């Protein structure tokens, strides 16, 4: 269930960021570059990939004994780190988002990976 909840939260954040980006583009706001479009697909409708920077990732470690709230927050943190890394290399979008978790004895690693691109 935590996956559905976190996916819902992620989609709301993605849609909000997309709407803000379009609004800022129309108003000529220079903060447009701060927004990162993130999608599970290999393309973004209405956008053309101008440059590919390569795969980037964000990694977060959470306690294994944590409940679904920790897992959801960990996933969101991993995505945020992924977005920060993409911004560092000059990307404004992430395609092919993949999230995986690796469980160890005392902690769980949540890894968000995606293809950093400029659209």
PDB file of N, CA and C in Angstrom:
ATOM      1  N   UNK A   1       0.808  -1.185   0.000  1.00  0.00           N
ATOM      2  CA  UNK A   1       0.000   0.000   0.000  1.00  0.00           C
ATOM      3  C   UNK A   1       0.864   1.267   0.000  1.00  0.00           C
ATOM      4  N   UNK A   2       2.036   1.227   0.659  1.00  0.00           N
ATOM      5  CA  UNK A   2       2.865   2.432   0.700  1.00  0.00           C
ATOM      6  C   UNK A   2       3.287   2.847  -0.691  1.00  0.00           C
ATOM      7  N   UNK A   3       3.419   1.873  -1.598  1.00  0.00           N
ATOM      8  CA  UNK A   3       3.818   2.217  -2.955  1.00  0.00           C
ATOM      9  C   UNK A   3       2.730   3.029  -3.647  1.00  0.00           C
ATOM     10  N   UNK A   4       1.465   2.617  -3.479  1.00  0.00           N
ATOM     11  CA  UNK A   4       0.367   3.351  -4.101  1.00  0.00           C
ATOM     12  C   UNK A   4       0.264   4.767  -3.537  1.00  0.00           C
ATOM     13  N   UNK A   5       0.431   4.883  -2.216  1.00  0.00           N
ATOM     14  CA  UNK A   5       0.359   6.204  -1.590  1.00  0.00           C
ATOM     15  C   UNK A   5       1.496   7.089  -2.076  1.00  0.00           C
ATOM     16  N   UNK A   6       2.716   6.538  -2.064  1.00  0.00           N
ATOM     17  CA  UNK A   6       3.862   7.348  -2.479  1.00  0.00           C
ATOM     18  C   UNK A   6       3.785   7.670  -3.972  1.00  0.00           C
ATOM     19  N   UNK A   7       3.272   6.750  -4.776  1.00  0.00           N
ATOM     20  CA  UNK A   7       3.108   7.024  -6.199  1.00  0.00           C
ATOM     21  C   UNK A   7       2.099   8.143  -6.395  1.00  0.00           C
ATOM     22  N   UNK A   8       1.012   8.111  -5.612  1.00  0.00           N
ATOM     23  CA  UNK A   8       0.008   9.179  -5.693  1.00  0.00           C
ATOM     24  C   UNK A   8       0.593  10.529  -5.327  1.00  0.00           C
ATOM     25  N   UNK A   9       1.365  10.567  -4.246  1.00  0.00           N
ATOM     26  CA  UNK A   9       2.010  11.812  -3.821  1.00  0.00           C
ATOM     27  C   UNK A   9       2.978  12.293  -4.898  1.00  0.00           C
ATOM     28  N   UNK A  10       3.740  11.370  -5.451  1.00  0.00           N
ATOM     29  CA  UNK A  10       4.694  11.718  -6.499  1.00  0.00           C
ATOM     30  C   UNK A  10       3.988  12.287  -7.724  1.00  0.00           C
ATOM     31  N   UNK A  11       2.897  11.660  -8.145  1.00  0.00           N
ATOM     32  CA  UNK A  11       2.174  12.137  -9.324  1.00  0.00           C
ATOM     33  C   UNK A  11       1.588  13.529  -9.093  1.00  0.00           C
ATOM     34  N   UNK A  12       1.070  13.773  -7.895  1.00  0.00           N
ATOM     35  CA  UNK A  12       0.548  15.106  -7.577  1.00  0.00           C
ATOM     36  C   UNK A  12       1.670  16.139  -7.659  1.00  0.00           C
ATOM     37  N   UNK A  13       2.842  15.798  -7.096  1.00  0.00           N
ATOM     38  CA  UNK A  13       3.977  16.716  -7.146  1.00  0.00           C
ATOM     39  C   UNK A  13       4.421  16.957  -8.589  1.00  0.00           C
ATOM     40  N   UNK A  14       4.441  15.897  -9.385  1.00  0.00           N
ATOM     41  CA  UNK A  14       4.846  16.020 -10.788  1.00  0.00           C
ATOM     42  C   UNK A  14       3.886  16.913 -11.560  1.00  0.00           C
ATOM     43  N   UNK A  15       2.604  16.698 -11.389  1.00  0.00           N
ATOM     44  CA  UNK A  15       1.606  17.503 -12.103  1.00  0.00           C
ATOM     45  C   UNK A  15       1.695  18.960 -11.674  1.00  0.00           C
ATOM     46  N   UNK A  16       1.856  19.187 -10.367  1.00  0.00           N
ATOM     47  CA  UNK A  16       1.988  20.557  -9.868  1.00  0.00           C
ATOM     48  C   UNK A  16       3.214  21.239 -10.468  1.00  0.00           C
ATOM     49  N   UNK A  17       4.345  20.538 -10.478  1.00  0.00           N
ATOM     50  CA  UNK A  17       5.568  21.112 -11.051  1.00  0.00           C
ATOM     51  C   UNK A  17       5.391  21.412 -12.534  1.00  0.00           C
ATOM     52  N   UNK A  18       4.709  20.521 -13.254  1.00  0.00           N
ATOM     53  CA  UNK A  18       4.484  20.742 -14.682  1.00  0.00           C
ATOM     54  C   UNK A  18       3.609  21.965 -14.926  1.00  0.00           C
ATOM     55  N   UNK A  19       2.552  22.103 -14.124  1.00  0.00           N
ATOM     56  CA  UNK A  19       1.672  23.264 -14.264  1.00  0.00           C
ATOM     57  C   UNK A  19       2.411  24.557 -13.943  1.00  0.00           C
ATOM     58  N   UNK A  20       3.215  24.535 -12.906  1.00  0.00           N
ATOM     59  CA  UNK A  20       3.993  25.722 -12.549  1.00  0.00           C
ATOM     60  C   UNK A  20       4.988  26.071 -13.642  1.00  0.00           C
ATOM     61  N   UNK A  21       5.581  25.053 -14.251  1.00  0.00           N
ATOM     62  CA  UNK A  21       6.535  25.296 -15.331  1.00  0.00           C
ATOM     63  C   UNK A  21       5.854  25.978 -16.510  1.00  0.00           C
ATOM     64  N   UNK A  22       4.694  25.451 -16.905  1.00  0.00           N
ATOM     65  CA  UNK A  22       3.983  26.039 -18.037  1.00  0.00           C
ATOM     66  C   UNK A  22       3.541  27.461 -17.727  1.00  0.00           C
ATOM     67  N   UNK A  23       3.089  27.704 -16.511  1.00  0.00           N
ATOM     68  CA  UNK A  23       2.678  29.045 -16.110  1.00  0.00           C
ATOM     69  C   UNK A  23       3.885  29.985 -16.137  1.00  0.00           C
ATOM     70  N   UNK A  24       5.030  29.534 -15.640  1.00  0.00           N
ATOM     71  CA  UNK A  24       6.233  30.361 -15.611  1.00  0.00           C
ATOM     72  C   UNK A  24       6.739  30.636 -17.024  1.00  0.00           C
ATOM     73  N   UNK A  25       6.639  29.656 -17.917  1.00  0.00           N
ATOM     74  CA  UNK A  25       7.078  29.853 -19.300  1.00  0.00           C
ATOM     75  C   UNK A  25       6.263  30.953 -19.971  1.00  0.00           C
ATOM     76  N   UNK A  26       4.983  30.972 -19.678  1.00  0.00           N
ATOM     77  CA  UNK A  26       4.132  31.995 -20.270  1.00  0.00           C
ATOM     78  C   UNK A  26       4.434  33.376 -19.708  1.00  0.00           C
ATOM     79  N   UNK A  27       4.839  33.436 -18.435  1.00  0.00           N
ATOM     80  CA  UNK A  27       5.085  34.735 -17.805  1.00  0.00           C
ATOM     81  C   UNK A  27       6.535  35.188 -17.953  1.00  0.00           C
ATOM     82  N   UNK A  28       7.411  34.341 -18.530  1.00  0.00           N
ATOM     83  CA  UNK A  28       8.808  34.704 -18.711  1.00  0.00           C
ATOM     84  C   UNK A  28       9.611  34.648 -17.423  1.00  0.00           C
ATOM     85  N   UNK A  29       9.161  33.872 -16.453  1.00  0.00           N
ATOM     86  CA  UNK A  29       9.836  33.743 -15.162  1.00  0.00           C
ATOM     87  C   UNK A  29      11.142  32.968 -15.332  1.00  0.00           C
ATOM     88  N   UNK A  30      12.289  33.528 -14.895  1.00  0.00           N
ATOM     89  CA  UNK A  30      13.562  32.824 -15.052  1.00  0.00           C
ATOM     90  C   UNK A  30      13.707  31.605 -14.142  1.00  0.00           C
ATOM     91  N   UNK A  31      12.831  31.414 -13.165  1.00  0.00           N
ATOM     92  CA  UNK A  31      12.951  30.261 -12.265  1.00  0.00           C
ATOM     93  C   UNK A  31      12.485  28.967 -12.907  1.00  0.00           C
ATOM     94  N   UNK A  32      12.102  29.007 -14.183  1.00  0.00           N
ATOM     95  CA  UNK A  32      11.666  27.804 -14.885  1.00  0.00           C
ATOM     96  C   UNK A  32      12.746  26.729 -14.828  1.00  0.00           C
ATOM     97  N   UNK A  33      14.004  27.135 -14.884  1.00  0.00           N
ATOM     98  CA  UNK A  33      15.100  26.178 -14.899  1.00  0.00           C
ATOM     99  C   UNK A  33      15.202  25.383 -13.602  1.00  0.00           C
ATOM    100  N   UNK A  34      14.572  25.853 -12.542  1.00  0.00           N
ATOM    101  CA  UNK A  34      14.607  25.135 -11.273  1.00  0.00           C
ATOM    102  C   UNK A  34      13.706  23.910 -11.287  1.00  0.00           C
ATOM    103  N   UNK A  35      12.736  23.868 -12.184  1.00  0.00           N
ATOM    104  CA  UNK A  35      11.801  22.751 -12.238  1.00  0.00           C
ATOM    105  C   UNK A  35      12.398  21.594 -13.027  1.00  0.00           C
ATOM    106  N   UNK A  36      12.148  20.389 -12.517  1.00  0.00           N
ATOM    107  CA  UNK A  36      12.598  19.176 -13.194  1.00  0.00           C
ATOM    108  C   UNK A  36      11.362  18.343 -13.501  1.00  0.00           C
ATOM    109  N   UNK A  37      11.205  17.945 -14.743  1.00  0.00           N
ATOM    110  CA  UNK A  37      10.117  17.053 -15.124  1.00  0.00           C
ATOM    111  C   UNK A  37      10.614  15.627 -14.909  1.00  0.00           C
ATOM    112  N   UNK A  38       9.823  14.818 -14.213  1.00  0.00           N
ATOM    113  CA  UNK A  38      10.205  13.432 -13.940  1.00  0.00           C
ATOM    114  C   UNK A  38       9.089  12.525 -14.445  1.00  0.00           C
ATOM    115  N   UNK A  39       9.480  11.489 -15.210  1.00  0.00           N
ATOM    116  CA  UNK A  39       8.477  10.576 -15.744  1.00  0.00           C
ATOM    117  C   UNK A  39       9.036   9.155 -15.826  1.00  0.00           C
ATOM    118  N   UNK A  40       8.127   8.191 -15.756  1.00  0.00           N
ATOM    119  CA  UNK A  40       8.511   6.791 -15.899  1.00  0.00           C
ATOM    120  C   UNK A  40       8.712   6.420 -17.368  1.00  0.00           C
ATOM    121  N   UNK A  41       8.192   7.209 -18.276  1.00  0.00           N
ATOM    122  CA  UNK A  41       8.235   6.864 -19.692  1.00  0.00           C
ATOM    123  C   UNK A  41       9.549   7.298 -20.345  1.00  0.00           C
ATOM    124  N   UNK A  42       9.702   6.933 -21.627  1.00  0.00           N
ATOM    125  CA  UNK A  42      10.919   7.241 -22.373  1.00  0.00           C
ATOM    126  C   UNK A  42      10.831   8.572 -23.105  1.00  0.00           C
ATOM    127  N   UNK A  43       9.692   9.246 -23.000  1.00  0.00           N
ATOM    128  CA  UNK A  43       9.531  10.538 -23.656  1.00  0.00           C
ATOM    129  C   UNK A  43       8.507  11.368 -22.890  1.00  0.00           C
ATOM    130  N   UNK A  44       8.475  12.649 -23.215  1.00  0.00           N
ATOM    131  CA  UNK A  44       7.511  13.563 -22.610  1.00  0.00           C
ATOM    132  C   UNK A  44       6.698  14.165 -23.746  1.00  0.00           C
ATOM    133  N   UNK A  45       5.403  13.917 -23.789  1.00  0.00           N
ATOM    134  CA  UNK A  45       4.585  14.462 -24.869  1.00  0.00           C
ATOM    135  C   UNK A  45       4.718  15.989 -24.953  1.00  0.00           C
ATOM    136  N   UNK A  46       4.952  16.475 -26.165  1.00  0.00           N
ATOM    137  CA  UNK A  46       5.075  17.909 -26.376  1.00  0.00           C
ATOM    138  C   UNK A  46       6.488  18.450 -26.215  1.00  0.00           C
ATOM    139  N   UNK A  47       7.430  17.595 -25.854  1.00  0.00           N
ATOM    140  CA  UNK A  47       8.824  18.015 -25.662  1.00  0.00           C
ATOM    141  C   UNK A  47       9.734  17.155 -26.525  1.00  0.00           C
ATOM    142  N   UNK A  48      10.837  17.751 -26.955  1.00  0.00           N
ATOM    143  CA  UNK A  48      11.840  17.020 -27.716  1.00  0.00           C
ATOM    144  C   UNK A  48      13.144  17.040 -26.922  1.00  0.00           C
ATOM    145  N   UNK A  49      13.787  15.896 -26.817  1.00  0.00           N
ATOM    146  CA  UNK A  49      15.048  15.806 -26.087  1.00  0.00           C
ATOM    147  C   UNK A  49      16.132  16.519 -26.895  1.00  0.00           C
ATOM    148  N   UNK A  50      16.764  17.523 -26.279  1.00  0.00           N
ATOM    149  CA  UNK A  50      17.821  18.292 -26.923  1.00  0.00           C
ATOM    150  C   UNK A  50      19.210  17.728 -26.618  1.00  0.00           C
ATOM    151  N   UNK A  51      19.365  17.216 -25.373  1.00  0.00           N
ATOM    152  CA  UNK A  51      20.667  16.694 -24.963  1.00  0.00           C
ATOM    153  C   UNK A  51      20.475  15.607 -23.912  1.00  0.00           C
ATOM    154  N   UNK A  52      21.280  14.558 -24.001  1.00  0.00           N
ATOM    155  CA  UNK A  52      21.250  13.461 -23.032  1.00  0.00           C
ATOM    156  C   UNK A  52      22.514  13.543 -22.181  1.00  0.00           C
ATOM    157  N   UNK A  53      22.335  13.607 -20.859  1.00  0.00           N
ATOM    158  CA  UNK A  53      23.471  13.689 -19.946  1.00  0.00           C
ATOM    159  C   UNK A  53      23.873  12.325 -19.405  1.00  0.00           C
ATOM    160  N   UNK A  54      22.965  11.364 -19.426  1.00  0.00           N
ATOM    161  CA  UNK A  54      23.252  10.030 -18.921  1.00  0.00           C
ATOM    162  C   UNK A  54      22.424   9.717 -17.686  1.00  0.00           C
ATOM    163  N   UNK A  55      22.626   8.525 -17.155  1.00  0.00           N
ATOM    164  CA  UNK A  55      21.859   8.089 -15.993  1.00  0.00           C
ATOM    165  C   UNK A  55      22.423   8.698 -14.713  1.00  0.00           C
ATOM    166  N   UNK A  56      21.507   9.116 -13.851  1.00  0.00           N
ATOM    167  CA  UNK A  56      21.861   9.643 -12.531  1.00  0.00           C
ATOM    168  C   UNK A  56      21.037   8.873 -11.505  1.00  0.00           C
ATOM    169  N   UNK A  57      21.477   8.944 -10.240  1.00  0.00           N
ATOM    170  CA  UNK A  57      20.723   8.240  -9.211  1.00  0.00           C
ATOM    171  C   UNK A  57      20.743   9.007  -7.897  1.00  0.00           C
ATOM    172  N   UNK A  58      19.743   8.723  -7.095  1.00  0.00           N
ATOM    173  CA  UNK A  58      19.652   9.249  -5.745  1.00  0.00           C
ATOM    174  C   UNK A  58      19.459   8.070  -4.810  1.00  0.00           C
ATOM    175  N   UNK A  59      20.259   8.006  -3.737  1.00  0.00           N
ATOM    176  CA  UNK A  59      20.220   6.866  -2.821  1.00  0.00           C
ATOM    177  C   UNK A  59      19.931   7.365  -1.416  1.00  0.00           C
ATOM    178  N   UNK A  60      19.016   6.675  -0.732  1.00  0.00           N
ATOM    179  CA  UNK A  60      18.663   6.984   0.649  1.00  0.00           C
ATOM    180  C   UNK A  60      18.664   5.683   1.431  1.00  0.00           C
ATOM    181  N   UNK A  61      19.146   5.738   2.668  1.00  0.00           N
ATOM    182  CA  UNK A  61      19.141   4.576   3.549  1.00  0.00           C
ATOM    183  C   UNK A  61      18.155   4.825   4.685  1.00  0.00           C
ATOM    184  N   UNK A  62      17.258   3.855   4.922  1.00  0.00           N
ATOM    185  CA  UNK A  62      16.284   3.967   6.003  1.00  0.00           C
ATOM    186  C   UNK A  62      16.386   2.728   6.892  1.00  0.00           C
ATOM    187  N   UNK A  63      15.918   2.810   8.132  1.00  0.00           N
ATOM    188  CA  UNK A  63      15.953   1.640   9.014  1.00  0.00           C
ATOM    189  C   UNK A  63      15.055   0.524   8.479  1.00  0.00           C
ATOM    190  N   UNK A  64      15.483  -0.719   8.604  1.00  0.00           N
ATOM    191  CA  UNK A  64      14.670  -1.840   8.132  1.00  0.00           C
ATOM    192  C   UNK A  64      13.404  -2.013   8.959  1.00  0.00           C
ATOM    193  N   UNK A  65      13.468  -1.637  10.230  1.00  0.00           N
ATOM    194  CA  UNK A  65      12.306  -1.798  11.088  1.00  0.00           C
ATOM    195  C   UNK A  65      11.272  -0.700  10.905  1.00  0.00           C
ATOM    196  N   UNK A  66      11.535   0.246  10.011  1.00  0.00           N
ATOM    197  CA  UNK A  66      10.615   1.354   9.793  1.00  0.00           C
ATOM    198  C   UNK A  66       9.304   0.891   9.185  1.00  0.00           C
ATOM    199  N   UNK A  67       8.281   1.679   9.390  1.00  0.00           N
ATOM    200  CA  UNK A  67       6.978   1.336   8.829  1.00  0.00           C
ATOM    201  C   UNK A  67       6.833   1.932   7.424  1.00  0.00           C
ATOM    202  N   UNK A  68       5.626   1.919   6.914  1.00  0.00           N
ATOM    203  CA  UNK A  68       5.379   2.393   5.554  1.00  0.00           C
ATOM    204  C   UNK A  68       5.661   3.885   5.397  1.00  0.00           C
ATOM    205  N   UNK A  69       5.523   4.641   6.467  1.00  0.00           N
ATOM    206  CA  UNK A  69       5.788   6.076   6.402  1.00  0.00           C
ATOM    207  C   UNK A  69       7.260   6.324   6.092  1.00  0.00           C
ATOM    208  N   UNK A  70       8.166   5.598   6.758  1.00  0.00           N
ATOM    209  CA  UNK A  70       9.600   5.729   6.477  1.00  0.00           C
ATOM    210  C   UNK A  70       9.896   5.372   5.024  1.00  0.00           C
ATOM    211  N   UNK A  71       9.291   4.316   4.560  1.00  0.00           N
ATOM    212  CA  UNK A  71       9.535   3.879   3.180  1.00  0.00           C
ATOM    213  C   UNK A  71       9.067   4.944   2.192  1.00  0.00           C
ATOM    214  N   UNK A  72       7.907   5.514   2.436  1.00  0.00           N
ATOM    215  CA  UNK A  72       7.380   6.548   1.554  1.00  0.00           C
ATOM    216  C   UNK A  72       8.264   7.791   1.576  1.00  0.00           C
ATOM    217  N   UNK A  73       8.668   8.208   2.770  1.00  0.00           N
ATOM    218  CA  UNK A  73       9.545   9.370   2.894  1.00  0.00           C
ATOM    219  C   UNK A  73      10.906   9.080   2.266  1.00  0.00           C
ATOM    220  N   UNK A  74      11.385   7.864   2.415  1.00  0.00           N
ATOM    221  CA  UNK A  74      12.659   7.487   1.810  1.00  0.00           C
ATOM    222  C   UNK A  74      12.601   7.540   0.309  1.00  0.00           C
ATOM    223  N   UNK A  75      11.499   7.086  -0.251  1.00  0.00           N
ATOM    224  CA  UNK A  75      11.336   7.125  -1.703  1.00  0.00           C
ATOM    225  C   UNK A  75      11.306   8.563  -2.205  1.00  0.00           C
ATOM    226  N   UNK A  76      10.564   9.414  -1.510  1.00  0.00           N
ATOM    227  CA  UNK A  76      10.500  10.818  -1.901  1.00  0.00           C
ATOM    228  C   UNK A  76      11.873  11.489  -1.790  1.00  0.00           C
ATOM    229  N   UNK A  77      12.620  11.142  -0.749  1.00  0.00           N
ATOM    230  CA  UNK A  77      13.967  11.696  -0.572  1.00  0.00           C
ATOM    231  C   UNK A  77      14.903  11.231  -1.683  1.00  0.00           C
ATOM    232  N   UNK A  78      14.785   9.971  -2.065  1.00  0.00           N
ATOM    233  CA  UNK A  78      15.624   9.443  -3.148  1.00  0.00           C
ATOM    234  C   UNK A  78      15.312  10.157  -4.462  1.00  0.00           C
ATOM    235  N   UNK A  79      14.042  10.414  -4.721  1.00  0.00           N
ATOM    236  CA  UNK A  79      13.653  11.133  -5.940  1.00  0.00           C
ATOM    237  C   UNK A  79      14.172  12.563  -5.892  1.00  0.00           C
ATOM    238  N   UNK A  80      14.094  13.194  -4.724  1.00  0.00           N
ATOM    239  CA  UNK A  80      14.607  14.560  -4.592  1.00  0.00           C
ATOM    240  C   UNK A  80      16.112  14.598  -4.840  1.00  0.00           C
ATOM    241  N   UNK A  81      16.847  13.630  -4.298  1.00  0.00           N
ATOM    242  CA  UNK A  81      18.296  13.565  -4.544  1.00  0.00           C
ATOM    243  C   UNK A  81      18.579  13.332  -6.026  1.00  0.00           C
ATOM    244  N   UNK A  82      17.759  12.506  -6.663  1.00  0.00           N
ATOM    245  CA  UNK A  82      17.891  12.264  -8.099  1.00  0.00           C
ATOM    246  C   UNK A  82      17.694  13.565  -8.872  1.00  0.00           C
ATOM    247  N   UNK A  83      16.683  14.327  -8.507  1.00  0.00           N
ATOM    248  CA  UNK A  83      16.412  15.598  -9.173  1.00  0.00           C
ATOM    249  C   UNK A  83      17.554  16.592  -8.946  1.00  0.00           C
ATOM    250  N   UNK A  84      18.095  16.631  -7.730  1.00  0.00           N
ATOM    251  CA  UNK A  84      19.222  17.518  -7.443  1.00  0.00           C
ATOM    252  C   UNK A  84      20.436  17.160  -8.291  1.00  0.00           C
ATOM    253  N   UNK A  85      20.695  15.871  -8.408  1.00  0.00           N
ATOM    254  CA  UNK A  85      21.834  15.412  -9.219  1.00  0.00           C
ATOM    255  C   UNK A  85      21.642  15.770 -10.695  1.00  0.00           C
ATOM    256  N   UNK A  86      20.419  15.606 -11.187  1.00  0.00           N
ATOM    257  CA  UNK A  86      20.124  15.958 -12.582  1.00  0.00           C
ATOM    258  C   UNK A  86      20.335  17.453 -12.809  1.00  0.00           C
ATOM    259  N   UNK A  87      19.902  18.262 -11.861  1.00  0.00           N
ATOM    260  CA  UNK A  87      20.085  19.710 -11.946  1.00  0.00           C
ATOM    261  C   UNK A  87      21.577  20.059 -12.002  1.00  0.00           C
ATOM    262  N   UNK A  88      22.389  19.351 -11.203  1.00  0.00           N
ATOM    263  CA  UNK A  88      23.836  19.598 -11.164  1.00  0.00           C
ATOM    264  C   UNK A  88      24.506  19.379 -12.519  1.00  0.00           C
ATOM    265  N   UNK A  89      24.030  18.388 -13.272  1.00  0.00           N
ATOM    266  CA  UNK A  89      24.654  18.109 -14.571  1.00  0.00           C
ATOM    267  C   UNK A  89      24.058  18.954 -15.698  1.00  0.00           C
ATOM    268  N   UNK A  90      23.021  19.760 -15.384  1.00  0.00           N
ATOM    269  CA  UNK A  90      22.440  20.646 -16.384  1.00  0.00           C
ATOM    270  C   UNK A  90      21.151  20.158 -17.005  1.00  0.00           C
ATOM    271  N   UNK A  91      20.564  19.101 -16.464  1.00  0.00           N
ATOM    272  CA  UNK A  91      19.323  18.551 -17.016  1.00  0.00           C
ATOM    273  C   UNK A  91      18.109  19.307 -16.472  1.00  0.00           C
ATOM    274  N   UNK A  92      17.024  19.270 -17.226  1.00  0.00           N
ATOM    275  CA  UNK A  92      15.768  19.828 -16.734  1.00  0.00           C
ATOM    276  C   UNK A  92      14.642  18.799 -16.793  1.00  0.00           C
ATOM    277  N   UNK A  93      15.011  17.539 -17.054  1.00  0.00           N
ATOM    278  CA  UNK A  93      14.019  16.458 -17.061  1.00  0.00           C
ATOM    279  C   UNK A  93      14.713  15.123 -16.772  1.00  0.00           C
ATOM    280  N   UNK A  94      13.939  14.198 -16.244  1.00  0.00           N
ATOM    281  CA  UNK A  94      14.428  12.843 -15.982  1.00  0.00           C
ATOM    282  C   UNK A  94      13.445  11.882 -16.621  1.00  0.00           C
ATOM    283  N   UNK A  95      13.948  11.047 -17.508  1.00  0.00           N
ATOM    284  CA  UNK A  95      13.132  10.033 -18.172  1.00  0.00           C
ATOM    285  C   UNK A  95      13.419   8.675 -17.555  1.00  0.00           C
ATOM    286  N   UNK A  96      12.519   7.734 -17.778  1.00  0.00           N
ATOM    287  CA  UNK A  96      12.699   6.332 -17.376  1.00  0.00           C
ATOM    288  C   UNK A  96      12.987   6.170 -15.883  1.00  0.00           C
ATOM    289  N   UNK A  97      12.233   6.874 -15.042  1.00  0.00           N
ATOM    290  CA  UNK A  97      12.432   6.763 -13.597  1.00  0.00           C
ATOM    291  C   UNK A  97      12.226   5.325 -13.147  1.00  0.00           C
ATOM    292  N   UNK A  98      13.172   4.819 -12.362  1.00  0.00           N
ATOM    293  CA  UNK A  98      13.086   3.481 -11.772  1.00  0.00           C
ATOM    294  C   UNK A  98      13.417   3.606 -10.298  1.00  0.00           C
ATOM    295  N   UNK A  99      12.625   2.958  -9.465  1.00  0.00           N
ATOM    296  CA  UNK A  99      12.868   2.970  -8.027  1.00  0.00           C
ATOM    297  C   UNK A  99      12.992   1.529  -7.565  1.00  0.00           C
ATOM    298  N   UNK A 100      14.061   1.248  -6.846  1.00  0.00           N
ATOM    299  CA  UNK A 100      14.251  -0.096  -6.311  1.00  0.00           C
ATOM    300  C   UNK A 100      14.687   0.020  -4.863  1.00  0.00           C
ATOM    301  N   UNK A 101      14.477  -1.048  -4.134  1.00  0.00           N
ATOM    302  CA  UNK A 101      14.928  -1.070  -2.744  1.00  0.00           C
ATOM    303  C   UNK A 101      15.696  -2.363  -2.515  1.00  0.00           C
ATOM    304  N   UNK A 102      16.749  -2.245  -1.719  1.00  0.00           N
ATOM    305  CA  UNK A 102      17.572  -3.396  -1.358  1.00  0.00           C
ATOM    306  C   UNK A 102      17.560  -3.499   0.155  1.00  0.00           C
ATOM    307  N   UNK A 103      17.079  -4.618   0.649  1.00  0.00           N
ATOM    308  CA  UNK A 103      16.975  -4.802   2.087  1.00  0.00           C
ATOM    309  C   UNK A 103      18.203  -5.531   2.620  1.00  0.00           C
ATOM    310  N   UNK A 104      18.740  -4.971   3.682  1.00  0.00           N
ATOM    311  CA  UNK A 104      19.873  -5.560   4.386  1.00  0.00           C
ATOM    312  C   UNK A 104      19.412  -5.861   5.812  1.00  0.00           C
ATOM    313  N   UNK A 105      20.291  -6.377   6.638  1.00  0.00           N
ATOM    314  CA  UNK A 105      19.923  -6.792   7.988  1.00  0.00           C
ATOM    315  C   UNK A 105      19.340  -5.652   8.824  1.00  0.00           C
ATOM    316  N   UNK A 106      19.963  -4.495   8.811  1.00  0.00           N
ATOM    317  CA  UNK A 106      19.525  -3.412   9.691  1.00  0.00           C
ATOM    318  C   UNK A 106      19.038  -2.171   8.955  1.00  0.00           C
ATOM    319  N   UNK A 107      19.166  -2.145   7.637  1.00  0.00           N
ATOM    320  CA  UNK A 107      18.693  -0.986   6.893  1.00  0.00           C
ATOM    321  C   UNK A 107      18.220  -1.399   5.493  1.00  0.00           C
ATOM    322  N   UNK A 108      17.553  -0.475   4.868  1.00  0.00           N
ATOM    323  CA  UNK A 108      17.085  -0.659   3.502  1.00  0.00           C
ATOM    324  C   UNK A 108      17.579   0.507   2.674  1.00  0.00           C
ATOM    325  N   UNK A 109      18.133   0.222   1.500  1.00  0.00           N
ATOM    326  CA  UNK A 109      18.550   1.269   0.581  1.00  0.00           C
ATOM    327  C   UNK A 109      17.452   1.453  -0.459  1.00  0.00           C
ATOM    328  N   UNK A 110      17.062   2.688  -0.652  1.00  0.00           N
ATOM    329  CA  UNK A 110      16.108   3.024  -1.702  1.00  0.00           C
ATOM    330  C   UNK A 110      16.874   3.797  -2.757  1.00  0.00           C
ATOM    331  N   UNK A 111      16.814   3.305  -3.988  1.00  0.00           N
ATOM    332  CA  UNK A 111      17.584   3.872  -5.090  1.00  0.00           C
ATOM    333  C   UNK A 111      16.624   4.342  -6.178  1.00  0.00           C
ATOM    334  N   UNK A 112      16.730   5.616  -6.531  1.00  0.00           N
ATOM    335  CA  UNK A 112      15.953   6.177  -7.641  1.00  0.00           C
ATOM    336  C   UNK A 112      16.933   6.459  -8.765  1.00  0.00           C
ATOM    337  N   UNK A 113      16.654   5.918  -9.950  1.00  0.00           N
ATOM    338  CA  UNK A 113      17.523   6.114 -11.124  1.00  0.00           C
ATOM    339  C   UNK A 113      16.703   6.648 -12.276  1.00  0.00           C
ATOM    340  N   UNK A 114      17.362   7.430 -13.122  1.00  0.00           N
ATOM    341  CA  UNK A 114      16.685   7.935 -14.295  1.00  0.00           C
ATOM    342  C   UNK A 114      17.677   8.539 -15.280  1.00  0.00           C
ATOM    343  N   UNK A 115      17.213   8.769 -16.479  1.00  0.00           N
ATOM    344  CA  UNK A 115      18.033   9.340 -17.546  1.00  0.00           C
ATOM    345  C   UNK A 115      17.881  10.856 -17.519  1.00  0.00           C
ATOM    346  N   UNK A 116      18.963  11.559 -17.214  1.00  0.00           N
ATOM    347  CA  UNK A 116      18.941  13.018 -17.153  1.00  0.00           C
ATOM    348  C   UNK A 116      19.058  13.583 -18.573  1.00  0.00           C
ATOM    349  N   UNK A 117      18.115  14.450 -18.928  1.00  0.00           N
ATOM    350  CA  UNK A 117      18.101  15.045 -20.259  1.00  0.00           C
ATOM    351  C   UNK A 117      17.734  16.531 -20.184  1.00  0.00           C
ATOM    352  N   UNK A 118      17.989  17.236 -21.266  1.00  0.00           N
ATOM    353  CA  UNK A 118      17.507  18.609 -21.415  1.00  0.00           C
ATOM    354  C   UNK A 118      16.481  18.591 -22.539  1.00  0.00           C
ATOM    355  N   UNK A 119      15.299  19.124 -22.227  1.00  0.00           N
ATOM    356  CA  UNK A 119      14.229  19.185 -23.231  1.00  0.00           C
ATOM    357  C   UNK A 119      13.969  20.628 -23.614  1.00  0.00           C
TER     358      UNK A 119
END
